[in-house]
Protein backbone atom coordinates (compact mmCIF):
# COMPACT_ATOMS: atom_id res chain seq x y z
CA MET A 1 0.00 0.00 0.00
CA ASP A 2 1.04 3.61 -0.58
CA PHE A 3 -0.02 4.61 2.94
CA LYS A 4 0.50 3.62 6.55
CA ARG A 5 -1.44 4.22 9.72
CA SER A 6 0.82 7.05 10.85
CA ASP A 7 -0.22 9.07 7.78
CA PHE A 8 -3.59 9.67 9.47
CA PRO A 9 -4.64 11.67 12.52
CA GLN A 10 -4.46 10.12 15.98
CA GLY A 11 -7.59 8.08 16.61
CA PHE A 12 -8.49 7.61 12.94
CA ASP A 13 -10.32 4.28 12.62
CA PHE A 14 -9.68 1.71 9.92
CA GLY A 15 -12.39 -0.88 9.56
CA VAL A 16 -13.90 -3.56 7.38
CA ALA A 17 -17.59 -4.09 6.66
CA THR A 18 -20.05 -6.91 5.99
CA SER A 19 -23.82 -7.41 6.11
CA SER A 20 -25.93 -10.11 7.74
CA TYR A 21 -27.83 -11.67 4.81
CA GLN A 22 -24.74 -11.63 2.61
CA ILE A 23 -22.58 -13.72 4.94
CA GLU A 24 -24.44 -15.27 7.90
CA GLY A 25 -26.49 -18.08 6.38
CA HIS A 26 -30.12 -17.14 6.85
CA GLN A 27 -31.34 -20.73 7.20
CA PHE A 28 -29.55 -21.07 10.54
CA GLY A 29 -30.68 -20.12 14.03
CA GLY A 30 -34.42 -19.74 13.61
CA ALA A 31 -34.44 -16.66 11.38
CA GLY A 32 -37.72 -15.82 9.69
CA SER A 33 -38.35 -15.36 5.99
CA THR A 34 -37.40 -12.05 4.35
CA HIS A 35 -38.41 -10.40 1.10
CA TRP A 36 -34.98 -11.34 -0.24
CA ASP A 37 -35.83 -15.03 0.16
CA SER A 38 -38.98 -14.66 -1.94
CA PHE A 39 -37.27 -12.31 -4.42
CA ALA A 40 -34.52 -14.88 -4.99
CA ALA A 41 -37.08 -17.69 -5.34
CA THR A 42 -38.75 -15.84 -8.23
CA PRO A 43 -37.31 -16.89 -11.63
CA GLY A 44 -35.21 -14.26 -13.35
CA ASN A 45 -34.51 -12.06 -10.33
CA VAL A 46 -31.15 -13.43 -9.15
CA VAL A 47 -28.29 -15.06 -11.03
CA ARG A 48 -28.85 -18.83 -10.88
CA ALA A 49 -31.65 -18.13 -8.35
CA GLU A 50 -28.99 -18.08 -5.63
CA ASN A 51 -29.99 -17.01 -2.13
CA GLY A 52 -28.55 -16.32 1.31
CA ASP A 53 -29.53 -19.63 2.92
CA ARG A 54 -25.91 -20.62 3.56
CA ALA A 55 -23.90 -17.68 2.23
CA CYS A 56 -20.48 -17.77 3.97
CA ASP A 57 -21.85 -19.58 7.06
CA HIS A 58 -20.56 -16.73 9.20
CA TYR A 59 -23.23 -17.78 11.70
CA HIS A 60 -21.04 -20.73 12.68
CA ARG A 61 -17.63 -19.40 11.56
CA PHE A 62 -17.67 -15.87 12.97
CA ALA A 63 -14.85 -16.56 15.44
CA ASP A 64 -12.44 -17.48 12.64
CA ASP A 65 -13.61 -14.53 10.54
CA LEU A 66 -13.08 -12.11 13.42
CA ASP A 67 -9.61 -13.59 13.90
CA LEU A 68 -8.90 -12.36 10.37
CA VAL A 69 -10.19 -8.87 11.21
CA ALA A 70 -7.93 -8.75 14.24
CA ALA A 71 -4.93 -10.21 12.41
CA ALA A 72 -5.10 -7.50 9.76
CA GLY A 73 -5.00 -4.79 12.41
CA PHE A 74 -8.42 -3.29 11.73
CA ASP A 75 -9.80 -1.14 14.56
CA CYS A 76 -13.46 -1.69 13.74
CA TYR A 77 -15.83 -4.27 12.34
CA ARG A 78 -18.98 -2.91 10.70
CA PHE A 79 -21.67 -5.59 10.72
CA SER A 80 -25.45 -5.56 10.39
CA THR A 81 -28.29 -7.20 12.27
CA SER A 82 -31.03 -9.21 10.60
CA TRP A 83 -34.49 -7.99 11.60
CA ALA A 84 -36.04 -11.38 10.79
CA ARG A 85 -33.38 -13.25 12.78
CA VAL A 86 -34.45 -11.35 15.90
CA LEU A 87 -38.17 -11.03 15.08
CA PRO A 88 -39.13 -13.80 12.61
CA GLU A 89 -42.50 -12.13 11.91
CA GLY A 90 -41.08 -8.62 12.09
CA ARG A 91 -43.10 -7.96 15.24
CA GLY A 92 -44.27 -9.93 18.23
CA ALA A 93 -42.44 -13.07 19.35
CA ILE A 94 -38.68 -12.71 19.79
CA ASN A 95 -36.29 -15.40 18.57
CA GLN A 96 -33.95 -15.68 21.55
CA ASP A 97 -31.44 -17.63 19.44
CA GLY A 98 -31.12 -14.54 17.25
CA LEU A 99 -30.45 -12.24 20.18
CA ASP A 100 -28.00 -14.76 21.63
CA TYR A 101 -26.14 -14.90 18.33
CA TYR A 102 -25.59 -11.14 18.18
CA ASP A 103 -24.61 -11.22 21.85
CA ARG A 104 -21.91 -13.81 21.13
CA LEU A 105 -20.77 -11.93 18.04
CA THR A 106 -20.42 -8.69 20.02
CA ASP A 107 -18.46 -10.31 22.81
CA ALA A 108 -16.18 -12.02 20.29
CA MET A 109 -15.30 -8.63 18.79
CA LEU A 110 -14.53 -7.14 22.17
CA GLU A 111 -12.41 -10.14 23.15
CA ARG A 112 -10.23 -9.42 20.10
CA GLY A 113 -9.99 -5.69 20.74
CA ILE A 114 -12.28 -4.87 17.79
CA LYS A 115 -14.76 -1.98 18.05
CA PRO A 116 -18.29 -3.17 17.16
CA CYS A 117 -19.98 -0.86 14.64
CA VAL A 118 -23.53 -2.02 14.01
CA THR A 119 -25.92 -1.21 11.19
CA LEU A 120 -29.47 -2.07 12.17
CA TYR A 121 -30.90 -2.69 8.70
CA HIS A 122 -29.10 -3.85 5.57
CA TRP A 123 -31.99 -4.63 3.21
CA GLU A 124 -33.72 -7.61 4.88
CA MET A 125 -37.40 -6.78 5.39
CA PRO A 126 -39.23 -9.60 7.23
CA SER A 127 -41.73 -11.20 4.85
CA ALA A 128 -44.67 -10.66 7.20
CA LEU A 129 -44.04 -6.91 7.11
CA ALA A 130 -43.41 -6.93 3.36
CA ASP A 131 -46.90 -8.46 3.07
CA LEU A 132 -48.22 -5.31 4.77
CA GLY A 133 -46.48 -3.05 2.28
CA GLY A 134 -43.02 -2.90 3.82
CA TRP A 135 -41.39 0.47 3.15
CA ARG A 136 -44.56 1.72 1.42
CA ASN A 137 -46.45 1.56 4.73
CA ARG A 138 -45.98 4.48 7.09
CA ASP A 139 -46.23 2.09 10.04
CA VAL A 140 -42.80 0.74 9.06
CA ALA A 141 -41.22 3.60 11.03
CA GLN A 142 -42.72 2.33 14.26
CA TRP A 143 -42.07 -1.31 13.43
CA PHE A 144 -38.42 -0.48 12.84
CA ALA A 145 -38.16 1.52 16.05
CA GLU A 146 -39.57 -1.42 18.02
CA PHE A 147 -37.02 -3.78 16.45
CA THR A 148 -34.31 -1.24 17.23
CA GLN A 149 -35.30 -1.13 20.89
CA ILE A 150 -35.23 -4.94 21.16
CA ILE A 151 -31.85 -5.54 19.51
CA MET A 152 -30.17 -2.49 21.05
CA GLY A 153 -31.63 -3.40 24.42
CA ARG A 154 -29.49 -6.52 24.16
CA ILE A 155 -26.23 -5.32 22.57
CA GLY A 156 -26.45 -1.52 22.43
CA ASP A 157 -24.41 -1.02 25.59
CA ARG A 158 -21.33 -2.51 23.88
CA MET A 159 -21.55 -0.80 20.49
CA HIS A 160 -18.85 1.65 19.46
CA SER A 161 -21.22 3.16 16.89
CA ILE A 162 -24.75 2.56 15.66
CA ALA A 163 -26.12 3.27 12.18
CA THR A 164 -29.78 2.88 11.33
CA ILE A 165 -30.44 1.97 7.69
CA ASN A 166 -27.76 1.20 5.13
CA GLU A 167 -28.03 3.03 1.82
CA PRO A 168 -31.54 4.54 1.67
CA TRP A 169 -31.30 4.94 -2.12
CA CYS A 170 -30.92 1.18 -2.56
CA VAL A 171 -33.68 0.42 -0.06
CA SER A 172 -36.10 2.69 -1.91
CA TRP A 173 -35.24 3.73 -5.48
CA LEU A 174 -33.23 0.69 -6.63
CA SER A 175 -35.79 -1.66 -5.10
CA HIS A 176 -39.08 0.10 -5.86
CA PHE A 177 -38.39 2.11 -9.05
CA GLU A 178 -35.76 0.08 -10.90
CA GLY A 179 -36.93 -3.26 -9.48
CA ALA A 180 -33.36 -4.56 -9.24
CA HIS A 181 -33.55 -5.52 -5.55
CA ALA A 182 -36.27 -6.88 -3.31
CA PRO A 183 -39.21 -6.28 -3.35
CA GLY A 184 -38.59 -5.84 -7.08
CA LEU A 185 -41.18 -3.15 -7.83
CA ARG A 186 -41.24 -0.63 -10.67
CA ASP A 187 -43.70 1.92 -9.38
CA ILE A 188 -43.05 5.62 -8.80
CA ARG A 189 -45.74 5.94 -6.11
CA ALA A 190 -44.22 3.05 -4.17
CA THR A 191 -40.78 4.60 -4.68
CA ALA A 192 -41.70 8.04 -3.37
CA ARG A 193 -43.31 6.56 -0.28
CA ALA A 194 -40.40 4.22 0.36
CA MET A 195 -37.91 7.11 0.01
CA HIS A 196 -39.81 9.14 2.57
CA HIS A 197 -40.61 6.30 4.97
CA VAL A 198 -37.03 5.02 5.08
CA LEU A 199 -35.96 8.43 6.35
CA LEU A 200 -38.89 8.56 8.76
CA ALA A 201 -37.85 5.15 10.10
CA HIS A 202 -34.27 6.37 10.47
CA GLY A 203 -35.40 9.35 12.52
CA THR A 204 -37.89 7.38 14.61
CA ALA A 205 -35.27 4.77 15.49
CA THR A 206 -32.71 7.48 16.26
CA GLN A 207 -35.13 9.12 18.69
CA ALA A 208 -35.87 5.74 20.29
CA MET A 209 -32.16 5.10 20.85
CA ARG A 210 -31.65 8.57 22.32
CA ALA A 211 -34.44 7.77 24.79
CA MET A 212 -32.55 4.58 25.71
CA GLY A 213 -29.45 6.63 26.50
CA LEU A 214 -27.45 5.34 23.54
CA SER A 215 -24.94 7.55 21.75
CA ASN A 216 -22.62 7.73 18.73
CA LEU A 217 -25.59 7.33 16.41
CA GLY A 218 -25.19 7.91 12.69
CA ALA A 219 -26.76 7.90 9.25
CA VAL A 220 -25.19 6.13 6.25
CA PHE A 221 -25.74 7.20 2.64
CA ASN A 222 -24.54 5.66 -0.60
CA LEU A 223 -23.48 8.39 -3.02
CA GLU A 224 -22.68 8.20 -6.71
CA TRP A 225 -21.20 11.23 -8.44
CA ALA A 226 -23.44 12.28 -11.34
CA THR A 227 -21.52 13.51 -14.40
CA PRO A 228 -23.07 14.91 -17.61
CA ALA A 229 -22.37 12.62 -20.56
CA ASP A 230 -21.49 15.66 -22.68
CA ASP A 231 -21.42 19.46 -22.46
CA SER A 232 -25.01 19.99 -23.55
CA ALA A 233 -27.47 21.79 -21.29
CA ALA A 234 -29.77 18.74 -21.48
CA ALA A 235 -27.04 16.41 -20.19
CA HIS A 236 -26.17 18.81 -17.38
CA HIS A 237 -29.83 18.91 -16.36
CA ALA A 238 -30.07 15.11 -16.46
CA ALA A 239 -27.05 14.87 -14.17
CA ALA A 240 -28.49 17.46 -11.78
CA VAL A 241 -31.77 15.53 -11.52
CA GLN A 242 -29.87 12.30 -10.89
CA ASP A 243 -27.81 14.03 -8.21
CA ALA A 244 -31.00 15.29 -6.56
CA ILE A 245 -32.63 11.86 -6.51
CA TYR A 246 -29.59 9.75 -5.62
CA ASN A 247 -27.57 11.98 -3.33
CA ARG A 248 -29.30 15.17 -2.22
CA PHE A 249 -32.76 13.79 -1.38
CA PHE A 250 -31.57 11.65 1.52
CA MET A 251 -28.83 13.91 2.89
CA GLY A 252 -31.12 16.90 2.47
CA GLY A 253 -33.88 15.21 4.43
CA VAL A 254 -31.63 14.35 7.38
CA PHE A 255 -29.38 17.42 7.52
CA GLN A 256 -31.48 20.21 5.97
CA LYS A 257 -35.01 18.97 6.76
CA ALA A 258 -35.94 19.51 3.14
CA TYR A 259 -35.99 17.66 -0.17
CA PRO A 260 -34.41 19.16 -3.32
CA GLU A 261 -36.80 20.77 -5.78
CA LEU A 262 -35.39 18.83 -8.73
CA ALA A 263 -36.41 15.58 -7.00
CA LEU A 264 -39.79 16.91 -5.89
CA GLU A 265 -40.67 17.77 -9.49
CA GLY A 266 -41.22 14.08 -10.12
CA LEU A 267 -41.81 12.67 -6.64
CA GLU A 268 -44.07 15.16 -4.86
CA PRO A 269 -47.34 13.99 -6.47
CA HIS A 270 -46.64 10.52 -5.10
CA LEU A 271 -45.44 11.38 -1.59
CA PRO A 272 -47.78 10.58 1.32
CA THR A 273 -50.12 13.28 2.59
CA GLY A 274 -48.48 15.44 5.22
CA TRP A 275 -44.94 14.44 4.34
CA GLN A 276 -43.70 17.96 5.14
CA ASP A 277 -44.65 17.46 8.78
CA ASP A 278 -42.19 14.59 9.29
CA PHE A 279 -38.93 16.54 9.03
CA ALA A 280 -38.69 17.13 12.77
CA THR A 281 -38.34 13.36 13.12
CA ILE A 282 -36.34 12.75 9.94
CA GLY A 283 -33.86 15.44 10.99
CA ALA A 284 -33.28 14.04 14.48
CA PRO A 285 -29.67 14.98 15.32
CA VAL A 286 -26.99 12.38 14.62
CA ASP A 287 -23.44 12.17 15.91
CA TRP A 288 -21.73 11.25 12.65
CA CYS A 289 -22.37 10.69 8.96
CA GLY A 290 -21.27 7.70 6.88
CA ILE A 291 -20.63 7.79 3.14
CA ASN A 292 -20.54 4.65 1.01
CA TYR A 293 -18.78 5.37 -2.27
CA TYR A 294 -17.85 3.17 -5.23
CA THR A 295 -18.22 4.93 -8.57
CA ARG A 296 -19.73 7.70 -10.69
CA SER A 297 -22.50 7.66 -13.29
CA LEU A 298 -22.69 9.39 -16.67
CA LEU A 299 -26.10 10.86 -17.49
CA ALA A 300 -27.68 11.70 -20.82
CA PRO A 301 -31.18 13.01 -21.54
CA ALA A 302 -33.89 10.53 -22.55
CA ASP A 303 -37.43 10.61 -23.84
CA GLY A 304 -40.30 9.24 -21.81
CA PRO A 305 -41.51 9.88 -18.27
CA TRP A 306 -39.59 11.70 -15.54
CA PRO A 307 -36.68 11.71 -14.68
CA HIS A 308 -36.02 11.95 -18.46
CA SER A 309 -32.47 10.57 -18.21
CA GLN A 310 -30.44 7.49 -18.97
CA LEU A 311 -27.10 6.08 -17.87
CA VAL A 312 -24.43 5.77 -20.56
CA PRO A 313 -21.12 3.85 -20.40
CA GLY A 314 -18.09 5.83 -19.31
CA PRO A 315 -14.51 5.73 -20.63
CA LEU A 316 -12.65 5.01 -17.38
CA PRO A 317 -11.28 1.62 -16.22
CA LYS A 318 -14.01 -0.50 -14.67
CA THR A 319 -14.40 -3.07 -11.93
CA GLN A 320 -16.02 -6.51 -12.25
CA MET A 321 -19.34 -4.70 -11.65
CA GLU A 322 -18.69 -2.55 -14.75
CA TRP A 323 -18.44 0.44 -12.41
CA GLU A 324 -15.95 3.14 -13.37
CA ILE A 325 -13.01 3.69 -11.02
CA TYR A 326 -13.31 7.36 -10.13
CA PRO A 327 -11.63 8.28 -6.82
CA GLN A 328 -12.13 12.00 -7.49
CA GLY A 329 -15.80 11.45 -6.70
CA LEU A 330 -14.99 10.35 -3.16
CA TYR A 331 -12.97 13.50 -2.54
CA ASP A 332 -15.71 15.65 -4.05
CA PHE A 333 -18.41 14.06 -1.88
CA LEU A 334 -16.40 14.41 1.31
CA MET A 335 -15.84 18.08 0.56
CA ARG A 336 -19.46 18.68 -0.38
CA ALA A 337 -20.84 16.82 2.62
CA ALA A 338 -18.83 18.92 5.06
CA GLN A 339 -19.47 22.22 3.25
CA GLU A 340 -23.19 21.80 2.54
CA TYR A 341 -24.63 19.26 4.97
CA THR A 342 -22.64 18.09 7.97
CA GLY A 343 -20.32 20.94 8.96
CA SER A 344 -18.05 19.88 11.83
CA LEU A 345 -19.77 16.49 12.29
CA PRO A 346 -17.36 13.53 11.95
CA LEU A 347 -17.51 11.84 8.54
CA TYR A 348 -16.71 8.18 7.91
CA VAL A 349 -16.18 6.41 4.64
CA THR A 350 -18.34 3.48 5.74
CA GLU A 351 -17.93 1.47 2.52
CA ASN A 352 -15.40 1.59 -0.30
CA GLY A 353 -14.11 -1.28 -2.40
CA MET A 354 -14.32 -3.12 -5.69
CA ALA A 355 -15.38 -6.41 -7.20
CA ASN A 356 -12.75 -8.36 -9.09
CA ALA A 357 -12.65 -11.85 -10.61
CA ASP A 358 -10.15 -13.14 -8.05
CA ILE A 359 -8.77 -16.68 -8.33
CA VAL A 360 -6.84 -18.73 -5.77
CA HIS A 361 -3.68 -20.22 -7.26
CA ALA A 362 -1.16 -22.20 -5.21
CA GLY A 363 -2.82 -21.06 -1.99
CA ALA A 364 -2.74 -17.34 -2.82
CA ALA A 365 -5.03 -14.82 -4.51
CA ALA A 366 -3.27 -11.90 -6.17
CA ASP A 367 -5.49 -8.84 -6.54
CA ASP A 368 -3.14 -6.02 -7.48
CA VAL A 369 -5.99 -4.13 -9.13
CA ARG A 370 -7.80 -3.94 -5.78
CA ILE A 371 -4.63 -2.72 -4.06
CA ASP A 372 -4.42 0.05 -6.64
CA TYR A 373 -8.12 0.89 -6.17
CA ILE A 374 -7.70 1.16 -2.40
CA ASN A 375 -4.56 3.29 -2.75
CA GLN A 376 -6.35 5.73 -5.06
CA HIS A 377 -9.36 6.11 -2.77
CA VAL A 378 -7.34 6.35 0.44
CA ALA A 379 -5.35 9.11 -1.26
CA ALA A 380 -8.64 10.93 -1.88
CA VAL A 381 -9.49 10.60 1.83
CA LYS A 382 -6.07 11.95 2.81
CA GLN A 383 -6.50 14.88 0.43
CA ALA A 384 -9.88 15.74 1.95
CA ILE A 385 -8.42 15.55 5.48
CA GLY A 386 -5.66 17.88 4.37
CA ASP A 387 -8.29 20.29 3.08
CA GLY A 388 -9.97 20.42 6.45
CA VAL A 389 -12.73 17.78 6.27
CA PRO A 390 -13.25 16.07 9.67
CA ILE A 391 -12.95 12.46 8.50
CA ALA A 392 -12.73 9.99 11.38
CA GLY A 393 -12.47 6.62 9.66
CA TYR A 394 -12.33 4.49 6.53
CA PHE A 395 -13.99 1.08 6.09
CA LEU A 396 -13.33 -1.41 3.30
CA TRP A 397 -16.12 -3.37 1.67
CA SER A 398 -15.85 -6.22 2.23
CA LEU A 399 -14.14 -8.64 4.58
CA LEU A 400 -15.36 -11.69 2.64
CA ASP A 401 -16.48 -12.56 -0.83
CA ASN A 402 -20.20 -12.95 -0.30
CA TYR A 403 -23.74 -13.00 -1.67
CA GLU A 404 -23.92 -9.99 -3.95
CA TRP A 405 -27.70 -9.76 -3.97
CA ALA A 406 -29.24 -10.06 -7.46
CA LEU A 407 -25.81 -10.95 -8.84
CA GLY A 408 -25.49 -14.07 -6.70
CA TYR A 409 -22.04 -15.30 -5.76
CA GLU A 410 -20.02 -14.36 -8.85
CA LYS A 411 -18.98 -10.79 -7.96
CA ARG A 412 -16.11 -10.84 -5.47
CA PHE A 413 -15.66 -7.77 -3.25
CA GLY A 414 -13.76 -9.50 -0.43
CA LEU A 415 -10.33 -8.94 1.00
CA VAL A 416 -10.64 -12.65 1.75
CA HIS A 417 -11.49 -15.15 -0.98
CA VAL A 418 -14.29 -17.59 -0.17
CA ASP A 419 -14.66 -20.92 -1.98
CA PHE A 420 -18.45 -21.18 -2.05
CA ASP A 421 -18.30 -24.98 -2.33
CA THR A 422 -15.97 -25.67 0.61
CA LEU A 423 -16.31 -22.24 2.32
CA ALA A 424 -12.51 -22.15 2.68
CA ARG A 425 -11.16 -18.65 3.37
CA THR A 426 -7.99 -17.45 1.62
CA PRO A 427 -6.72 -13.93 2.40
CA LYS A 428 -5.94 -12.09 -0.83
CA GLY A 429 -2.97 -9.91 -1.65
CA SER A 430 -4.94 -6.81 -0.63
CA PHE A 431 -5.53 -8.31 2.83
CA HIS A 432 -1.80 -8.85 3.31
CA ALA A 433 -0.94 -5.40 1.96
CA LEU A 434 -3.45 -3.77 4.32
CA THR A 435 -2.07 -5.76 7.22
CA GLN A 436 1.39 -4.38 6.54
CA ALA A 437 0.04 -0.82 6.17
CA LEU A 438 -2.04 -0.94 9.36
CA ARG A 439 0.63 -2.59 11.46
CA SER A 440 3.52 -0.45 10.24
């Protein structure tokens, strides 16, 4: 790596991230059905109809996986809780095995000197609540707050940090407008309501945790820099609308208690009645802000209904996901977040990484392209720190190759290679390079 720990301010946290459904093995431990289980069981939704039943079997192998986190020298482990593992029906009867599992997982982190950084929701809506409309139903805010109180009542006292809902854009737009993730809808009314209710749920859960006396609470947003495909006024407008929908809607709701006009042009007719009255809850104060960043998008104008835009391929080198490698976007977002939204609030890069077609050969997995990707993006973080942005940590996605949602098991984001037949773990070259950088 081109950096070492001493290049960063005292107390700067390096971490690695995962999510529950992608690694745990949802068939284990009495977890209830989620909308991802039914989405994956529907032909055509997921590559090879693969699901998270076994995943990486982290449920049984978490001790060995946390040994890897500790061995690399990471300060923090960002994990998520499964709502349906704790509450199989989303409400009502508690699955004590689920609570016990997260209790053991938390203690195992602490035993290894790892700071537990929990995300309460990473895309797994219990099926019973999905049947009631899921994120389209305003009641989801209270359902989520009740789940939050139960799981944080068990492990909240030992958390270093707590985030509510991972990547609101994916939970709402990607899943209800583009139909690419569960519940797989393509409906603008459902989308507008999901976008609003996910923020309402974030604020309601944040207020519930404040009432419990918990602290170091944050919000996590996935951001994708929107670039005009050419110099035309139409392309610039298309990019501005994309920026409003993808990036500014969610950060604006939480930090400015307002939605951008360019997003409201298409969404306002479909928002629930009285949506303007919810900003006092949506804007509940947080202690930090997380940014997940991977790539940029190029926007061109398009005919048809709002938002009148289309994505076009870009010229830059791409990852296995066909995402352009554009570290400048991470720097730009860190600067913009601090200048326009968060001020002096600590910022974390809560996810950053790339998929690559990594292969184990002779017991090793070289991934020099990932090392280069990390170096470029860490350099962007260092530049932003040098320009005065209060960045407090950087987390890699992901510890393990895992279930990449609708793309099944073929896209490998891990620092550790997983053989999905044997479940053998093989640390890649990037893992070893990071170990040297963090322990130097």
